[in-house]
Amino acid sequence: MATQHTDVAELLHQAMEAARAAGLAEAADELDARTSAAFTSSSEFLGEVGLGIQRFLARERSNVPVAVRQQLEECLAEVRRVWPGLR
């Protein structure tokens, strides 16, 4: 049985757009900048995504709409497949 994976880049993009629409543009822009650089490997990209999401959630805490938090948590679940130590 094949393992199903989420398209982290697309889901992350959707979450950032929703965060901007909810008034969290500065934090979303910071996350976007961190995750849109060129990476040498997909695991490096996922590591930066995980760290960026953690920083975003810590910075905005209760300001993050439920739908955005769910999207970001789904991204983190995929990141943890590669980086299981990421909390």
PDB file of N, CA and C in Angstrom:
ATOM      1  N   MET A   1       0.839  -1.178   0.000  1.00  0.00           N
ATOM      2  CA  MET A   1       0.000   0.000   0.000  1.00  0.00           C
ATOM      3  C   MET A   1       0.884   1.240   0.000  1.00  0.00           C
ATOM      4  N   ALA A   2       0.625   2.150  -0.897  1.00  0.00           N
ATOM      5  CA  ALA A   2       1.417   3.369  -1.022  1.00  0.00           C
ATOM      6  C   ALA A   2       1.086   4.344   0.099  1.00  0.00           C
ATOM      7  N   THR A   3       2.106   5.060   0.531  1.00  0.00           N
ATOM      8  CA  THR A   3       1.912   6.088   1.549  1.00  0.00           C
ATOM      9  C   THR A   3       1.454   7.361   0.868  1.00  0.00           C
ATOM     10  N   GLN A   4       0.433   7.972   1.419  1.00  0.00           N
ATOM     11  CA  GLN A   4      -0.082   9.209   0.851  1.00  0.00           C
ATOM     12  C   GLN A   4       0.561  10.399   1.561  1.00  0.00           C
ATOM     13  N   HIS A   5       1.014  11.369   0.771  1.00  0.00           N
ATOM     14  CA  HIS A   5       1.648  12.556   1.319  1.00  0.00           C
ATOM     15  C   HIS A   5       0.871  13.794   0.915  1.00  0.00           C
ATOM     16  N   THR A   6       0.944  14.788   1.755  1.00  0.00           N
ATOM     17  CA  THR A   6       0.320  16.072   1.480  1.00  0.00           C
ATOM     18  C   THR A   6       1.318  16.943   0.724  1.00  0.00           C
ATOM     19  N   ASP A   7       0.835  17.749  -0.205  1.00  0.00           N
ATOM     20  CA  ASP A   7       1.684  18.717  -0.895  1.00  0.00           C
ATOM     21  C   ASP A   7       1.921  19.868   0.075  1.00  0.00           C
ATOM     22  N   VAL A   8       3.013  19.792   0.806  1.00  0.00           N
ATOM     23  CA  VAL A   8       3.313  20.760   1.855  1.00  0.00           C
ATOM     24  C   VAL A   8       3.423  22.170   1.288  1.00  0.00           C
ATOM     25  N   ALA A   9       4.083  22.328   0.151  1.00  0.00           N
ATOM     26  CA  ALA A   9       4.282  23.663  -0.411  1.00  0.00           C
ATOM     27  C   ALA A   9       2.945  24.331  -0.727  1.00  0.00           C
ATOM     28  N   GLU A  10       2.027  23.597  -1.321  1.00  0.00           N
ATOM     29  CA  GLU A  10       0.724  24.165  -1.672  1.00  0.00           C
ATOM     30  C   GLU A  10      -0.100  24.472  -0.421  1.00  0.00           C
ATOM     31  N   LEU A  11      -0.121  23.554   0.515  1.00  0.00           N
ATOM     32  CA  LEU A  11      -0.868  23.763   1.749  1.00  0.00           C
ATOM     33  C   LEU A  11      -0.286  24.939   2.537  1.00  0.00           C
ATOM     34  N   LEU A  12       1.031  25.042   2.575  1.00  0.00           N
ATOM     35  CA  LEU A  12       1.687  26.150   3.259  1.00  0.00           C
ATOM     36  C   LEU A  12       1.327  27.478   2.593  1.00  0.00           C
ATOM     37  N   HIS A  13       1.333  27.497   1.269  1.00  0.00           N
ATOM     38  CA  HIS A  13       0.948  28.708   0.533  1.00  0.00           C
ATOM     39  C   HIS A  13      -0.483  29.117   0.882  1.00  0.00           C
ATOM     40  N   GLN A  14      -1.389  28.169   0.907  1.00  0.00           N
ATOM     41  CA  GLN A  14      -2.785  28.460   1.257  1.00  0.00           C
ATOM     42  C   GLN A  14      -2.896  29.002   2.680  1.00  0.00           C
ATOM     43  N   ALA A  15      -2.157  28.415   3.596  1.00  0.00           N
ATOM     44  CA  ALA A  15      -2.184  28.867   4.989  1.00  0.00           C
ATOM     45  C   ALA A  15      -1.648  30.287   5.117  1.00  0.00           C
ATOM     46  N   MET A  16      -0.574  30.592   4.388  1.00  0.00           N
ATOM     47  CA  MET A  16      -0.011  31.947   4.447  1.00  0.00           C
ATOM     48  C   MET A  16      -0.981  32.968   3.872  1.00  0.00           C
ATOM     49  N   GLU A  17      -1.652  32.622   2.782  1.00  0.00           N
ATOM     50  CA  GLU A  17      -2.636  33.539   2.206  1.00  0.00           C
ATOM     51  C   GLU A  17      -3.800  33.774   3.175  1.00  0.00           C
ATOM     52  N   ALA A  18      -4.255  32.724   3.813  1.00  0.00           N
ATOM     53  CA  ALA A  18      -5.337  32.860   4.792  1.00  0.00           C
ATOM     54  C   ALA A  18      -4.877  33.681   5.996  1.00  0.00           C
ATOM     55  N   ALA A  19      -3.635  33.498   6.413  1.00  0.00           N
ATOM     56  CA  ALA A  19      -3.093  34.282   7.528  1.00  0.00           C
ATOM     57  C   ALA A  19      -3.022  35.760   7.155  1.00  0.00           C
ATOM     58  N   ARG A  20      -2.593  36.051   5.941  1.00  0.00           N
ATOM     59  CA  ARG A  20      -2.555  37.454   5.486  1.00  0.00           C
ATOM     60  C   ARG A  20      -3.954  38.056   5.493  1.00  0.00           C
ATOM     61  N   ALA A  21      -4.919  37.298   5.008  1.00  0.00           N
ATOM     62  CA  ALA A  21      -6.305  37.773   4.969  1.00  0.00           C
ATOM     63  C   ALA A  21      -6.857  38.006   6.370  1.00  0.00           C
ATOM     64  N   ALA A  22      -6.310  37.291   7.360  1.00  0.00           N
ATOM     65  CA  ALA A  22      -6.757  37.437   8.748  1.00  0.00           C
ATOM     66  C   ALA A  22      -5.991  38.525   9.492  1.00  0.00           C
ATOM     67  N   GLY A  23      -5.142  39.267   8.765  1.00  0.00           N
ATOM     68  CA  GLY A  23      -4.418  40.368   9.379  1.00  0.00           C
ATOM     69  C   GLY A  23      -3.048  40.019   9.926  1.00  0.00           C
ATOM     70  N   LEU A  24      -2.535  38.863   9.573  1.00  0.00           N
ATOM     71  CA  LEU A  24      -1.228  38.424  10.059  1.00  0.00           C
ATOM     72  C   LEU A  24      -0.177  38.499   8.958  1.00  0.00           C
ATOM     73  N   ALA A  25      -0.230  39.573   8.173  1.00  0.00           N
ATOM     74  CA  ALA A  25       0.638  39.702   6.999  1.00  0.00           C
ATOM     75  C   ALA A  25       2.116  39.687   7.353  1.00  0.00           C
ATOM     76  N   GLU A  26       2.508  40.396   8.379  1.00  0.00           N
ATOM     77  CA  GLU A  26       3.932  40.471   8.723  1.00  0.00           C
ATOM     78  C   GLU A  26       4.485  39.094   9.074  1.00  0.00           C
ATOM     79  N   ALA A  27       3.772  38.356   9.900  1.00  0.00           N
ATOM     80  CA  ALA A  27       4.214  37.011  10.288  1.00  0.00           C
ATOM     81  C   ALA A  27       4.178  36.069   9.094  1.00  0.00           C
ATOM     82  N   ALA A  28       3.157  36.178   8.255  1.00  0.00           N
ATOM     83  CA  ALA A  28       3.054  35.326   7.062  1.00  0.00           C
ATOM     84  C   ALA A  28       4.186  35.637   6.082  1.00  0.00           C
ATOM     85  N   ASP A  29       4.521  36.916   5.939  1.00  0.00           N
ATOM     86  CA  ASP A  29       5.616  37.303   5.047  1.00  0.00           C
ATOM     87  C   ASP A  29       6.952  36.746   5.547  1.00  0.00           C
ATOM     88  N   GLU A  30       7.134  36.756   6.869  1.00  0.00           N
ATOM     89  CA  GLU A  30       8.360  36.206   7.447  1.00  0.00           C
ATOM     90  C   GLU A  30       8.442  34.704   7.177  1.00  0.00           C
ATOM     91  N   LEU A  31       7.336  34.012   7.355  1.00  0.00           N
ATOM     92  CA  LEU A  31       7.289  32.572   7.072  1.00  0.00           C
ATOM     93  C   LEU A  31       7.545  32.319   5.594  1.00  0.00           C
ATOM     94  N   ASP A  32       6.943  33.125   4.743  1.00  0.00           N
ATOM     95  CA  ASP A  32       7.129  32.989   3.300  1.00  0.00           C
ATOM     96  C   ASP A  32       8.595  33.179   2.920  1.00  0.00           C
ATOM     97  N   ALA A  33       9.237  34.199   3.485  1.00  0.00           N
ATOM     98  CA  ALA A  33      10.641  34.461   3.173  1.00  0.00           C
ATOM     99  C   ALA A  33      11.527  33.295   3.607  1.00  0.00           C
ATOM    100  N   ARG A  34      11.220  32.743   4.756  1.00  0.00           N
ATOM    101  CA  ARG A  34      12.026  31.635   5.284  1.00  0.00           C
ATOM    102  C   ARG A  34      11.878  30.379   4.436  1.00  0.00           C
ATOM    103  N   THR A  35      10.713  30.164   3.882  1.00  0.00           N
ATOM    104  CA  THR A  35      10.445  28.902   3.183  1.00  0.00           C
ATOM    105  C   THR A  35      10.501  29.004   1.660  1.00  0.00           C
ATOM    106  N   SER A  36      10.805  30.176   1.133  1.00  0.00           N
ATOM    107  CA  SER A  36      10.827  30.310  -0.327  1.00  0.00           C
ATOM    108  C   SER A  36      12.242  30.442  -0.890  1.00  0.00           C
ATOM    109  N   ALA A  37      13.234  30.263  -0.059  1.00  0.00           N
ATOM    110  CA  ALA A  37      14.617  30.285  -0.524  1.00  0.00           C
ATOM    111  C   ALA A  37      14.905  29.011  -1.310  1.00  0.00           C
ATOM    112  N   ALA A  38      16.037  28.981  -1.958  1.00  0.00           N
ATOM    113  CA  ALA A  38      16.465  27.781  -2.676  1.00  0.00           C
ATOM    114  C   ALA A  38      17.125  26.825  -1.689  1.00  0.00           C
ATOM    115  N   PHE A  39      16.755  25.558  -1.757  1.00  0.00           N
ATOM    116  CA  PHE A  39      17.302  24.549  -0.861  1.00  0.00           C
ATOM    117  C   PHE A  39      17.963  23.456  -1.675  1.00  0.00           C
ATOM    118  N   THR A  40      18.955  22.811  -1.086  1.00  0.00           N
ATOM    119  CA  THR A  40      19.673  21.766  -1.806  1.00  0.00           C
ATOM    120  C   THR A  40      18.956  20.426  -1.765  1.00  0.00           C
ATOM    121  N   SER A  41      18.040  20.261  -0.809  1.00  0.00           N
ATOM    122  CA  SER A  41      17.312  18.995  -0.724  1.00  0.00           C
ATOM    123  C   SER A  41      15.912  19.237  -0.187  1.00  0.00           C
ATOM    124  N   SER A  42      15.046  18.269  -0.418  1.00  0.00           N
ATOM    125  CA  SER A  42      13.686  18.391   0.098  1.00  0.00           C
ATOM    126  C   SER A  42      13.669  18.294   1.611  1.00  0.00           C
ATOM    127  N   SER A  43      14.580  17.528   2.200  1.00  0.00           N
ATOM    128  CA  SER A  43      14.601  17.443   3.659  1.00  0.00           C
ATOM    129  C   SER A  43      15.052  18.765   4.271  1.00  0.00           C
ATOM    130  N   GLU A  44      15.957  19.472   3.608  1.00  0.00           N
ATOM    131  CA  GLU A  44      16.361  20.802   4.078  1.00  0.00           C
ATOM    132  C   GLU A  44      15.169  21.757   3.997  1.00  0.00           C
ATOM    133  N   PHE A  45      14.436  21.708   2.887  1.00  0.00           N
ATOM    134  CA  PHE A  45      13.241  22.529   2.735  1.00  0.00           C
ATOM    135  C   PHE A  45      12.240  22.236   3.853  1.00  0.00           C
ATOM    136  N   LEU A  46      11.973  20.959   4.091  1.00  0.00           N
ATOM    137  CA  LEU A  46      11.003  20.591   5.126  1.00  0.00           C
ATOM    138  C   LEU A  46      11.460  21.016   6.510  1.00  0.00           C
ATOM    139  N   GLY A  47      12.748  20.937   6.769  1.00  0.00           N
ATOM    140  CA  GLY A  47      13.264  21.400   8.048  1.00  0.00           C
ATOM    141  C   GLY A  47      13.011  22.885   8.245  1.00  0.00           C
ATOM    142  N   GLU A  48      13.244  23.676   7.219  1.00  0.00           N
ATOM    143  CA  GLU A  48      12.993  25.119   7.299  1.00  0.00           C
ATOM    144  C   GLU A  48      11.504  25.413   7.424  1.00  0.00           C
ATOM    145  N   VAL A  49      10.681  24.634   6.730  1.00  0.00           N
ATOM    146  CA  VAL A  49       9.230  24.789   6.859  1.00  0.00           C
ATOM    147  C   VAL A  49       8.815  24.541   8.304  1.00  0.00           C
ATOM    148  N   GLY A  50       9.302  23.464   8.885  1.00  0.00           N
ATOM    149  CA  GLY A  50       8.955  23.146  10.263  1.00  0.00           C
ATOM    150  C   GLY A  50       9.376  24.231  11.238  1.00  0.00           C
ATOM    151  N   LEU A  51      10.604  24.697  11.107  1.00  0.00           N
ATOM    152  CA  LEU A  51      11.083  25.757  11.993  1.00  0.00           C
ATOM    153  C   LEU A  51      10.312  27.055  11.777  1.00  0.00           C
ATOM    154  N   GLY A  52      10.020  27.360  10.518  1.00  0.00           N
ATOM    155  CA  GLY A  52       9.260  28.567  10.217  1.00  0.00           C
ATOM    156  C   GLY A  52       7.852  28.528  10.788  1.00  0.00           C
ATOM    157  N   ILE A  53       7.195  27.384  10.671  1.00  0.00           N
ATOM    158  CA  ILE A  53       5.838  27.237  11.212  1.00  0.00           C
ATOM    159  C   ILE A  53       5.867  27.364  12.732  1.00  0.00           C
ATOM    160  N   GLN A  54       6.829  26.717  13.363  1.00  0.00           N
ATOM    161  CA  GLN A  54       6.943  26.823  14.815  1.00  0.00           C
ATOM    162  C   GLN A  54       7.117  28.272  15.255  1.00  0.00           C
ATOM    163  N   ARG A  55       7.959  28.997  14.563  1.00  0.00           N
ATOM    164  CA  ARG A  55       8.191  30.410  14.896  1.00  0.00           C
ATOM    165  C   ARG A  55       6.908  31.220  14.689  1.00  0.00           C
ATOM    166  N   PHE A  56       6.230  30.974  13.571  1.00  0.00           N
ATOM    167  CA  PHE A  56       4.972  31.669  13.268  1.00  0.00           C
ATOM    168  C   PHE A  56       3.950  31.433  14.376  1.00  0.00           C
ATOM    169  N   LEU A  57       3.754  30.167  14.747  1.00  0.00           N
ATOM    170  CA  LEU A  57       2.763  29.838  15.767  1.00  0.00           C
ATOM    171  C   LEU A  57       3.140  30.410  17.136  1.00  0.00           C
ATOM    172  N   ALA A  58       4.424  30.395  17.462  1.00  0.00           N
ATOM    173  CA  ALA A  58       4.862  30.954  18.743  1.00  0.00           C
ATOM    174  C   ALA A  58       4.672  32.465  18.767  1.00  0.00           C
ATOM    175  N   ARG A  59       4.920  33.103  17.639  1.00  0.00           N
ATOM    176  CA  ARG A  59       4.805  34.562  17.555  1.00  0.00           C
ATOM    177  C   ARG A  59       3.354  35.011  17.640  1.00  0.00           C
ATOM    178  N   GLU A  60       2.479  34.320  16.928  1.00  0.00           N
ATOM    179  CA  GLU A  60       1.090  34.776  16.812  1.00  0.00           C
ATOM    180  C   GLU A  60       0.124  34.111  17.789  1.00  0.00           C
ATOM    181  N   ARG A  61       0.509  33.025  18.359  1.00  0.00           N
ATOM    182  CA  ARG A  61      -0.261  32.296  19.368  1.00  0.00           C
ATOM    183  C   ARG A  61      -1.764  32.286  19.104  1.00  0.00           C
ATOM    184  N   SER A  62      -2.524  32.960  19.934  1.00  0.00           N
ATOM    185  CA  SER A  62      -3.989  32.917  19.855  1.00  0.00           C
ATOM    186  C   SER A  62      -4.558  33.741  18.700  1.00  0.00           C
ATOM    187  N   ASN A  63      -3.726  34.486  17.997  1.00  0.00           N
ATOM    188  CA  ASN A  63      -4.198  35.276  16.855  1.00  0.00           C
ATOM    189  C   ASN A  63      -4.411  34.431  15.604  1.00  0.00           C
ATOM    190  N   VAL A  64      -3.888  33.211  15.608  1.00  0.00           N
ATOM    191  CA  VAL A  64      -3.965  32.354  14.423  1.00  0.00           C
ATOM    192  C   VAL A  64      -5.358  31.751  14.324  1.00  0.00           C
ATOM    193  N   PRO A  65      -6.058  32.026  13.227  1.00  0.00           N
ATOM    194  CA  PRO A  65      -7.387  31.427  13.050  1.00  0.00           C
ATOM    195  C   PRO A  65      -7.312  29.894  13.049  1.00  0.00           C
ATOM    196  N   VAL A  66      -8.365  29.267  13.500  1.00  0.00           N
ATOM    197  CA  VAL A  66      -8.409  27.807  13.617  1.00  0.00           C
ATOM    198  C   VAL A  66      -8.068  27.133  12.281  1.00  0.00           C
ATOM    199  N   ALA A  67      -8.639  27.611  11.189  1.00  0.00           N
ATOM    200  CA  ALA A  67      -8.396  26.987   9.882  1.00  0.00           C
ATOM    201  C   ALA A  67      -6.920  27.072   9.491  1.00  0.00           C
ATOM    202  N   VAL A  68      -6.301  28.202   9.769  1.00  0.00           N
ATOM    203  CA  VAL A  68      -4.876  28.376   9.457  1.00  0.00           C
ATOM    204  C   VAL A  68      -4.044  27.446  10.338  1.00  0.00           C
ATOM    205  N   ARG A  69      -4.359  27.397  11.623  1.00  0.00           N
ATOM    206  CA  ARG A  69      -3.635  26.519  12.543  1.00  0.00           C
ATOM    207  C   ARG A  69      -3.744  25.062  12.068  1.00  0.00           C
ATOM    208  N   GLN A  70      -4.918  24.645  11.620  1.00  0.00           N
ATOM    209  CA  GLN A  70      -5.104  23.274  11.142  1.00  0.00           C
ATOM    210  C   GLN A  70      -4.234  22.998   9.916  1.00  0.00           C
ATOM    211  N   GLN A  71      -4.182  23.955   8.992  1.00  0.00           N
ATOM    212  CA  GLN A  71      -3.349  23.782   7.803  1.00  0.00           C
ATOM    213  C   GLN A  71      -1.879  23.675   8.198  1.00  0.00           C
ATOM    214  N   LEU A  72      -1.455  24.531   9.108  1.00  0.00           N
ATOM    215  CA  LEU A  72      -0.058  24.507   9.534  1.00  0.00           C
ATOM    216  C   LEU A  72       0.269  23.238  10.293  1.00  0.00           C
ATOM    217  N   GLU A  73      -0.651  22.752  11.087  1.00  0.00           N
ATOM    218  CA  GLU A  73      -0.444  21.487  11.800  1.00  0.00           C
ATOM    219  C   GLU A  73      -0.345  20.326  10.817  1.00  0.00           C
ATOM    220  N   GLU A  74      -1.115  20.378   9.747  1.00  0.00           N
ATOM    221  CA  GLU A  74      -1.028  19.336   8.715  1.00  0.00           C
ATOM    222  C   GLU A  74       0.343  19.376   8.040  1.00  0.00           C
ATOM    223  N   CYS A  75       0.844  20.592   7.793  1.00  0.00           N
ATOM    224  CA  CYS A  75       2.196  20.727   7.242  1.00  0.00           C
ATOM    225  C   CYS A  75       3.222  20.144   8.208  1.00  0.00           C
ATOM    226  N   LEU A  76       3.080  20.463   9.495  1.00  0.00           N
ATOM    227  CA  LEU A  76       4.019  19.949  10.491  1.00  0.00           C
ATOM    228  C   LEU A  76       3.991  18.424  10.563  1.00  0.00           C
ATOM    229  N   ALA A  77       2.834  17.832  10.378  1.00  0.00           N
ATOM    230  CA  ALA A  77       2.742  16.368  10.386  1.00  0.00           C
ATOM    231  C   ALA A  77       3.593  15.773   9.262  1.00  0.00           C
ATOM    232  N   GLU A  78       3.572  16.407   8.101  1.00  0.00           N
ATOM    233  CA  GLU A  78       4.396  15.942   6.983  1.00  0.00           C
ATOM    234  C   GLU A  78       5.879  16.171   7.270  1.00  0.00           C
ATOM    235  N   VAL A  79       6.193  17.327   7.849  1.00  0.00           N
ATOM    236  CA  VAL A  79       7.586  17.628   8.186  1.00  0.00           C
ATOM    237  C   VAL A  79       8.126  16.583   9.157  1.00  0.00           C
ATOM    238  N   ARG A  80       7.313  16.181  10.115  1.00  0.00           N
ATOM    239  CA  ARG A  80       7.757  15.216  11.123  1.00  0.00           C
ATOM    240  C   ARG A  80       8.032  13.834  10.546  1.00  0.00           C
ATOM    241  N   ARG A  81       7.556  13.560   9.350  1.00  0.00           N
ATOM    242  CA  ARG A  81       7.900  12.288   8.695  1.00  0.00           C
ATOM    243  C   ARG A  81       9.385  12.261   8.367  1.00  0.00           C
ATOM    244  N   VAL A  82       9.933  13.429   8.068  1.00  0.00           N
ATOM    245  CA  VAL A  82      11.357  13.554   7.734  1.00  0.00           C
ATOM    246  C   VAL A  82      12.176  13.954   8.956  1.00  0.00           C
ATOM    247  N   TRP A  83      11.620  14.804   9.781  1.00  0.00           N
ATOM    248  CA  TRP A  83      12.261  15.340  10.983  1.00  0.00           C
ATOM    249  C   TRP A  83      11.421  14.943  12.203  1.00  0.00           C
ATOM    250  N   PRO A  84      11.449  13.678  12.609  1.00  0.00           N
ATOM    251  CA  PRO A  84      10.586  13.227  13.716  1.00  0.00           C
ATOM    252  C   PRO A  84      10.877  13.914  15.047  1.00  0.00           C
ATOM    253  N   GLY A  85      12.053  14.473  15.223  1.00  0.00           N
ATOM    254  CA  GLY A  85      12.385  15.154  16.468  1.00  0.00           C
ATOM    255  C   GLY A  85      11.807  16.551  16.569  1.00  0.00           C
ATOM    256  N   LEU A  86      11.239  17.059  15.484  1.00  0.00           N
ATOM    257  CA  LEU A  86      10.655  18.398  15.489  1.00  0.00           C
ATOM    258  C   LEU A  86       9.373  18.386  16.308  1.00  0.00           C
ATOM    259  N   ARG A  87       9.288  19.230  17.270  1.00  0.00           N
ATOM    260  CA  ARG A  87       8.095  19.274  18.143  1.00  0.00           C
ATOM    261  C   ARG A  87       7.104  20.247  17.655  1.00  0.00           C
TER     262      ARG A  87
END
